[in-house]
């Protein structure tokens, strides 16, 4: 019964184009992962952390100072980012240093910044 709600109830105006685009669409699992990624980064604090990490490898203390937040709050957000694979860490003595997991995350942030600055 729930499937009928999501079924298309019309015909394509340009069927050839609609079929072409439909064939190029990502599968639902990939779209779900993409949506989850945007939900994860759709938080001001996590965006600030990721932006800071796009500039340099940083420890919790440094991030707390940069963002004027408690170490506990930063640690909580870093845990979410790490569990989702957006940041990685390395231990050096008693400190843990964080970096973005890969350059793709950096590129997404940079492109998003270009987009929002263009709209100003």
C-alpha atoms as a PDB file:
ATOM      1  CA  UNK A   1       0.000   0.000   0.000  1.00  0.00           C
ATOM      2  CA  UNK A   2       2.859   2.416   0.808  1.00  0.00           C
ATOM      3  CA  UNK A   3       4.411   1.814  -2.617  1.00  0.00           C
ATOM      4  CA  UNK A   4       1.448   3.365  -4.426  1.00  0.00           C
ATOM      5  CA  UNK A   5       2.143   6.688  -2.671  1.00  0.00           C
ATOM      6  CA  UNK A   6       5.612   6.861  -4.280  1.00  0.00           C
ATOM      7  CA  UNK A   7       4.554   5.778  -7.771  1.00  0.00           C
ATOM      8  CA  UNK A   8       4.564   8.303 -10.580  1.00  0.00           C
ATOM      9  CA  UNK A   9       1.058   9.310 -11.652  1.00  0.00           C
ATOM     10  CA  UNK A  10       1.902  11.027 -14.943  1.00  0.00           C
ATOM     11  CA  UNK A  11       3.621  10.554 -18.292  1.00  0.00           C
ATOM     12  CA  UNK A  12       6.912  12.131 -19.325  1.00  0.00           C
ATOM     13  CA  UNK A  13       6.678  15.010 -21.775  1.00  0.00           C
ATOM     14  CA  UNK A  14      10.082  14.092 -23.220  1.00  0.00           C
ATOM     15  CA  UNK A  15      10.189  10.333 -22.673  1.00  0.00           C
ATOM     16  CA  UNK A  16      13.625   9.877 -24.273  1.00  0.00           C
ATOM     17  CA  UNK A  17      15.179  12.502 -22.013  1.00  0.00           C
ATOM     18  CA  UNK A  18      13.372  11.190 -18.937  1.00  0.00           C
ATOM     19  CA  UNK A  19      14.596   7.646 -19.657  1.00  0.00           C
ATOM     20  CA  UNK A  20      18.168   8.888 -20.172  1.00  0.00           C
ATOM     21  CA  UNK A  21      18.239  10.810 -16.886  1.00  0.00           C
ATOM     22  CA  UNK A  22      16.510   7.955 -15.036  1.00  0.00           C
ATOM     23  CA  UNK A  23      19.196   5.536 -16.274  1.00  0.00           C
ATOM     24  CA  UNK A  24      21.906   7.882 -14.960  1.00  0.00           C
ATOM     25  CA  UNK A  25      20.351   8.258 -11.489  1.00  0.00           C
ATOM     26  CA  UNK A  26      22.268   6.779  -8.574  1.00  0.00           C
ATOM     27  CA  UNK A  27      20.643   3.878  -6.753  1.00  0.00           C
ATOM     28  CA  UNK A  28      18.612   4.453  -3.597  1.00  0.00           C
ATOM     29  CA  UNK A  29      21.385   3.190  -1.290  1.00  0.00           C
ATOM     30  CA  UNK A  30      23.856   5.715  -2.699  1.00  0.00           C
ATOM     31  CA  UNK A  31      21.306   8.529  -2.468  1.00  0.00           C
ATOM     32  CA  UNK A  32      20.597   7.541   1.143  1.00  0.00           C
ATOM     33  CA  UNK A  33      24.316   7.707   1.986  1.00  0.00           C
ATOM     34  CA  UNK A  34      24.552  11.110   0.321  1.00  0.00           C
ATOM     35  CA  UNK A  35      21.561  12.354   2.275  1.00  0.00           C
ATOM     36  CA  UNK A  36      23.088  11.066   5.516  1.00  0.00           C
ATOM     37  CA  UNK A  37      26.337  12.865   4.712  1.00  0.00           C
ATOM     38  CA  UNK A  38      24.552  16.174   4.205  1.00  0.00           C
ATOM     39  CA  UNK A  39      22.543  15.679   7.408  1.00  0.00           C
ATOM     40  CA  UNK A  40      25.793  15.043   9.270  1.00  0.00           C
ATOM     41  CA  UNK A  41      27.501  18.162   7.976  1.00  0.00           C
ATOM     42  CA  UNK A  42      24.283  20.193   8.259  1.00  0.00           C
ATOM     43  CA  UNK A  43      25.293  21.329  11.737  1.00  0.00           C
ATOM     44  CA  UNK A  44      27.104  24.612  12.394  1.00  0.00           C
ATOM     45  CA  UNK A  45      29.568  23.135  14.876  1.00  0.00           C
ATOM     46  CA  UNK A  46      30.491  20.181  12.684  1.00  0.00           C
ATOM     47  CA  UNK A  47      30.939  22.477   9.670  1.00  0.00           C
ATOM     48  CA  UNK A  48      33.229  24.723  11.723  1.00  0.00           C
ATOM     49  CA  UNK A  49      35.254  21.722  12.886  1.00  0.00           C
ATOM     50  CA  UNK A  50      35.562  20.379   9.358  1.00  0.00           C
ATOM     51  CA  UNK A  51      36.502  23.803   8.030  1.00  0.00           C
ATOM     52  CA  UNK A  52      39.204  24.170  10.690  1.00  0.00           C
ATOM     53  CA  UNK A  53      40.482  20.681   9.895  1.00  0.00           C
ATOM     54  CA  UNK A  54      40.579  21.568   6.209  1.00  0.00           C
ATOM     55  CA  UNK A  55      43.234  24.115   7.154  1.00  0.00           C
ATOM     56  CA  UNK A  56      45.356  22.009   9.512  1.00  0.00           C
ATOM     57  CA  UNK A  57      45.623  18.918  11.658  1.00  0.00           C
ATOM     58  CA  UNK A  58      44.354  19.922  15.106  1.00  0.00           C
ATOM     59  CA  UNK A  59      43.837  18.466  18.576  1.00  0.00           C
ATOM     60  CA  UNK A  60      40.672  18.853  20.660  1.00  0.00           C
ATOM     61  CA  UNK A  61      42.209  21.631  22.777  1.00  0.00           C
ATOM     62  CA  UNK A  62      43.128  23.683  19.715  1.00  0.00           C
ATOM     63  CA  UNK A  63      39.695  23.181  18.169  1.00  0.00           C
ATOM     64  CA  UNK A  64      38.042  24.211  21.450  1.00  0.00           C
ATOM     65  CA  UNK A  65      40.059  27.448  21.490  1.00  0.00           C
ATOM     66  CA  UNK A  66      39.442  28.167  17.800  1.00  0.00           C
ATOM     67  CA  UNK A  67      35.685  27.624  18.122  1.00  0.00           C
ATOM     68  CA  UNK A  68      35.364  29.023  21.662  1.00  0.00           C
ATOM     69  CA  UNK A  69      33.714  25.834  22.893  1.00  0.00           C
ATOM     70  CA  UNK A  70      34.319  23.251  25.598  1.00  0.00           C
ATOM     71  CA  UNK A  71      36.560  20.266  24.973  1.00  0.00           C
ATOM     72  CA  UNK A  72      33.592  18.044  25.785  1.00  0.00           C
ATOM     73  CA  UNK A  73      31.413  19.619  23.090  1.00  0.00           C
ATOM     74  CA  UNK A  74      34.207  19.361  20.514  1.00  0.00           C
ATOM     75  CA  UNK A  75      34.930  15.746  21.459  1.00  0.00           C
ATOM     76  CA  UNK A  76      31.269  14.814  21.066  1.00  0.00           C
ATOM     77  CA  UNK A  77      31.127  16.274  17.552  1.00  0.00           C
ATOM     78  CA  UNK A  78      34.472  14.728  16.597  1.00  0.00           C
ATOM     79  CA  UNK A  79      33.164  11.328  17.689  1.00  0.00           C
ATOM     80  CA  UNK A  80      30.208  11.679  15.300  1.00  0.00           C
ATOM     81  CA  UNK A  81      32.473  12.830  12.473  1.00  0.00           C
ATOM     82  CA  UNK A  82      34.926  10.015  13.104  1.00  0.00           C
ATOM     83  CA  UNK A  83      32.229   7.325  13.323  1.00  0.00           C
ATOM     84  CA  UNK A  84      30.873   8.489   9.973  1.00  0.00           C
ATOM     85  CA  UNK A  85      34.315   8.371   8.381  1.00  0.00           C
ATOM     86  CA  UNK A  86      34.677  12.115   7.781  1.00  0.00           C
ATOM     87  CA  UNK A  87      37.691  12.614  10.061  1.00  0.00           C
ATOM     88  CA  UNK A  88      40.565  10.425  11.169  1.00  0.00           C
ATOM     89  CA  UNK A  89      42.821  10.666  14.161  1.00  0.00           C
ATOM     90  CA  UNK A  90      46.316   9.854  15.335  1.00  0.00           C
ATOM     91  CA  UNK A  91      47.661   9.788  18.866  1.00  0.00           C
ATOM     92  CA  UNK A  92      50.848  11.657  19.729  1.00  0.00           C
ATOM     93  CA  UNK A  93      51.719  11.312  23.403  1.00  0.00           C
ATOM     94  CA  UNK A  94      48.688  12.302  25.436  1.00  0.00           C
ATOM     95  CA  UNK A  95      47.051  14.245  22.597  1.00  0.00           C
ATOM     96  CA  UNK A  96      44.910  13.020  19.714  1.00  0.00           C
ATOM     97  CA  UNK A  97      45.177  14.963  16.463  1.00  0.00           C
ATOM     98  CA  UNK A  98      42.422  15.065  13.879  1.00  0.00           C
ATOM     99  CA  UNK A  99      42.401  15.593  10.128  1.00  0.00           C
ATOM    100  CA  UNK A 100      39.789  15.302   7.417  1.00  0.00           C
ATOM    101  CA  UNK A 101      39.638  11.755   6.117  1.00  0.00           C
ATOM    102  CA  UNK A 102      40.402  12.700   2.517  1.00  0.00           C
ATOM    103  CA  UNK A 103      40.614  15.596   0.097  1.00  0.00           C
ATOM    104  CA  UNK A 104      37.073  14.971  -1.153  1.00  0.00           C
ATOM    105  CA  UNK A 105      35.608  16.311   2.078  1.00  0.00           C
ATOM    106  CA  UNK A 106      37.851  19.381   1.754  1.00  0.00           C
ATOM    107  CA  UNK A 107      36.690  19.887  -1.844  1.00  0.00           C
ATOM    108  CA  UNK A 108      33.026  19.670  -0.823  1.00  0.00           C
ATOM    109  CA  UNK A 109      33.535  22.327   1.845  1.00  0.00           C
ATOM    110  CA  UNK A 110      35.494  24.597  -0.501  1.00  0.00           C
ATOM    111  CA  UNK A 111      32.905  24.255  -3.292  1.00  0.00           C
ATOM    112  CA  UNK A 112      30.048  24.889  -0.866  1.00  0.00           C
ATOM    113  CA  UNK A 113      31.811  28.031   0.380  1.00  0.00           C
ATOM    114  CA  UNK A 114      32.253  29.282  -3.172  1.00  0.00           C
ATOM    115  CA  UNK A 115      28.553  28.658  -3.746  1.00  0.00           C
ATOM    116  CA  UNK A 116      27.312  30.485  -0.644  1.00  0.00           C
ATOM    117  CA  UNK A 117      29.720  33.407  -1.122  1.00  0.00           C
ATOM    118  CA  UNK A 118      28.497  33.720  -4.711  1.00  0.00           C
ATOM    119  CA  UNK A 119      24.922  34.056  -3.443  1.00  0.00           C
ATOM    120  CA  UNK A 120      25.790  36.925  -1.049  1.00  0.00           C
END
